[in-house]
Amino acid sequence: MSFGELLSQSERAAAWLAGRGIGAGAPVGVLAGNHPSLVAWYSALWSLGAVVVPISARSSVAEVRQLLTHAQA
């Protein structure tokens, strides 16, 4: 993935997120595997001023629930 492609994906993701009310200070849980598009999603969230709440795919349901509750995501 080139930097241009990354920027394009990030801008599209940011527009999609903003259209759903995600903005500055909003905590957003991200549960994803290792993939280049993950960088675009993180960049999109940061560009909106949102707070990325990373969630490990290895987490149990109880751990995810606790993390999201604590982060108010």
C-alpha atoms as a PDB file:
ATOM      1  CA  MET A   1       0.000   0.000   0.000  1.00  0.00           C
ATOM      2  CA  SER A   2       1.401   3.389  -0.964  1.00  0.00           C
ATOM      3  CA  PHE A   3       1.128   6.473   1.223  1.00  0.00           C
ATOM      4  CA  GLY A   4      -1.330   7.900  -1.301  1.00  0.00           C
ATOM      5  CA  GLU A   5      -3.551   4.828  -0.999  1.00  0.00           C
ATOM      6  CA  LEU A   6      -3.299   4.995   2.789  1.00  0.00           C
ATOM      7  CA  LEU A   7      -4.310   8.649   2.768  1.00  0.00           C
ATOM      8  CA  SER A   8      -7.236   7.940   0.446  1.00  0.00           C
ATOM      9  CA  GLN A   9      -8.497   5.064   2.606  1.00  0.00           C
ATOM     10  CA  SER A  10      -8.070   7.145   5.747  1.00  0.00           C
ATOM     11  CA  GLU A  11     -10.028  10.064   4.304  1.00  0.00           C
ATOM     12  CA  ARG A  12     -12.880   7.783   3.179  1.00  0.00           C
ATOM     13  CA  ALA A  13     -12.977   6.093   6.592  1.00  0.00           C
ATOM     14  CA  ALA A  14     -12.963   9.482   8.364  1.00  0.00           C
ATOM     15  CA  ALA A  15     -15.888  10.679   6.252  1.00  0.00           C
ATOM     16  CA  TRP A  16     -17.798   7.474   6.993  1.00  0.00           C
ATOM     17  CA  LEU A  17     -17.109   7.773  10.741  1.00  0.00           C
ATOM     18  CA  ALA A  18     -17.973  11.482  10.850  1.00  0.00           C
ATOM     19  CA  GLY A  19     -21.243  10.712   9.080  1.00  0.00           C
ATOM     20  CA  ARG A  20     -22.097   8.451  11.989  1.00  0.00           C
ATOM     21  CA  GLY A  21     -21.386  11.096  14.617  1.00  0.00           C
ATOM     22  CA  ILE A  22     -17.830  10.134  15.554  1.00  0.00           C
ATOM     23  CA  GLY A  23     -15.816  13.225  16.457  1.00  0.00           C
ATOM     24  CA  ALA A  24     -13.406  14.769  18.922  1.00  0.00           C
ATOM     25  CA  GLY A  25     -13.153  12.914  22.200  1.00  0.00           C
ATOM     26  CA  ALA A  26     -15.373  10.014  21.149  1.00  0.00           C
ATOM     27  CA  PRO A  27     -13.954   6.678  22.326  1.00  0.00           C
ATOM     28  CA  VAL A  28     -14.113   4.060  19.565  1.00  0.00           C
ATOM     29  CA  GLY A  29     -13.358   0.393  20.184  1.00  0.00           C
ATOM     30  CA  VAL A  30     -11.322  -1.212  17.410  1.00  0.00           C
ATOM     31  CA  LEU A  31     -11.238  -5.008  17.203  1.00  0.00           C
ATOM     32  CA  ALA A  32      -9.301  -6.046  14.127  1.00  0.00           C
ATOM     33  CA  GLY A  33      -6.591  -8.359  12.991  1.00  0.00           C
ATOM     34  CA  ASN A  34      -3.244  -7.255  11.622  1.00  0.00           C
ATOM     35  CA  HIS A  35      -4.039  -5.758   8.233  1.00  0.00           C
ATOM     36  CA  PRO A  36      -2.777  -2.662   6.394  1.00  0.00           C
ATOM     37  CA  SER A  37      -6.274  -1.145   6.485  1.00  0.00           C
ATOM     38  CA  LEU A  38      -6.037  -1.018  10.279  1.00  0.00           C
ATOM     39  CA  VAL A  39      -3.526   1.825   9.909  1.00  0.00           C
ATOM     40  CA  ALA A  40      -6.035   3.726   7.765  1.00  0.00           C
ATOM     41  CA  TRP A  41      -8.780   3.298  10.377  1.00  0.00           C
ATOM     42  CA  TYR A  42      -6.515   4.463  13.205  1.00  0.00           C
ATOM     43  CA  SER A  43      -5.438   7.453  11.105  1.00  0.00           C
ATOM     44  CA  ALA A  44      -9.068   8.267  10.334  1.00  0.00           C
ATOM     45  CA  LEU A  45     -10.024   8.175  14.003  1.00  0.00           C
ATOM     46  CA  TRP A  46      -7.048  10.311  15.019  1.00  0.00           C
ATOM     47  CA  SER A  47      -7.816  12.852  12.285  1.00  0.00           C
ATOM     48  CA  LEU A  48     -11.289  13.277  13.806  1.00  0.00           C
ATOM     49  CA  GLY A  49      -9.845  13.650  17.301  1.00  0.00           C
ATOM     50  CA  ALA A  50     -11.489  10.399  18.412  1.00  0.00           C
ATOM     51  CA  VAL A  51      -9.906   8.145  21.019  1.00  0.00           C
ATOM     52  CA  VAL A  52      -8.828   4.748  19.717  1.00  0.00           C
ATOM     53  CA  VAL A  53      -9.584   1.929  22.146  1.00  0.00           C
ATOM     54  CA  PRO A  54      -7.607  -1.043  20.797  1.00  0.00           C
ATOM     55  CA  ILE A  55      -9.108  -4.442  21.547  1.00  0.00           C
ATOM     56  CA  SER A  56      -7.148  -7.647  21.156  1.00  0.00           C
ATOM     57  CA  ALA A  57      -8.785 -10.347  19.068  1.00  0.00           C
ATOM     58  CA  ARG A  58      -7.634 -12.736  21.782  1.00  0.00           C
ATOM     59  CA  SER A  59      -9.725 -11.029  24.457  1.00  0.00           C
ATOM     60  CA  SER A  60     -12.629 -12.884  26.001  1.00  0.00           C
ATOM     61  CA  VAL A  61     -16.137 -11.492  25.780  1.00  0.00           C
ATOM     62  CA  ALA A  62     -15.925 -10.468  29.433  1.00  0.00           C
ATOM     63  CA  GLU A  63     -12.626  -8.639  28.829  1.00  0.00           C
ATOM     64  CA  VAL A  64     -14.036  -6.797  25.825  1.00  0.00           C
ATOM     65  CA  ARG A  65     -17.150  -5.832  27.790  1.00  0.00           C
ATOM     66  CA  GLN A  66     -15.031  -4.534  30.689  1.00  0.00           C
ATOM     67  CA  LEU A  67     -12.729  -2.580  28.368  1.00  0.00           C
ATOM     68  CA  LEU A  68     -15.586  -0.954  26.476  1.00  0.00           C
ATOM     69  CA  THR A  69     -17.435  -0.133  29.668  1.00  0.00           C
ATOM     70  CA  HIS A  70     -14.346   1.389  31.251  1.00  0.00           C
ATOM     71  CA  ALA A  71     -13.577   3.406  28.085  1.00  0.00           C
ATOM     72  CA  GLN A  72     -17.241   4.410  27.719  1.00  0.00           C
ATOM     73  CA  ALA A  73     -17.031   3.255  24.102  1.00  0.00           C
END
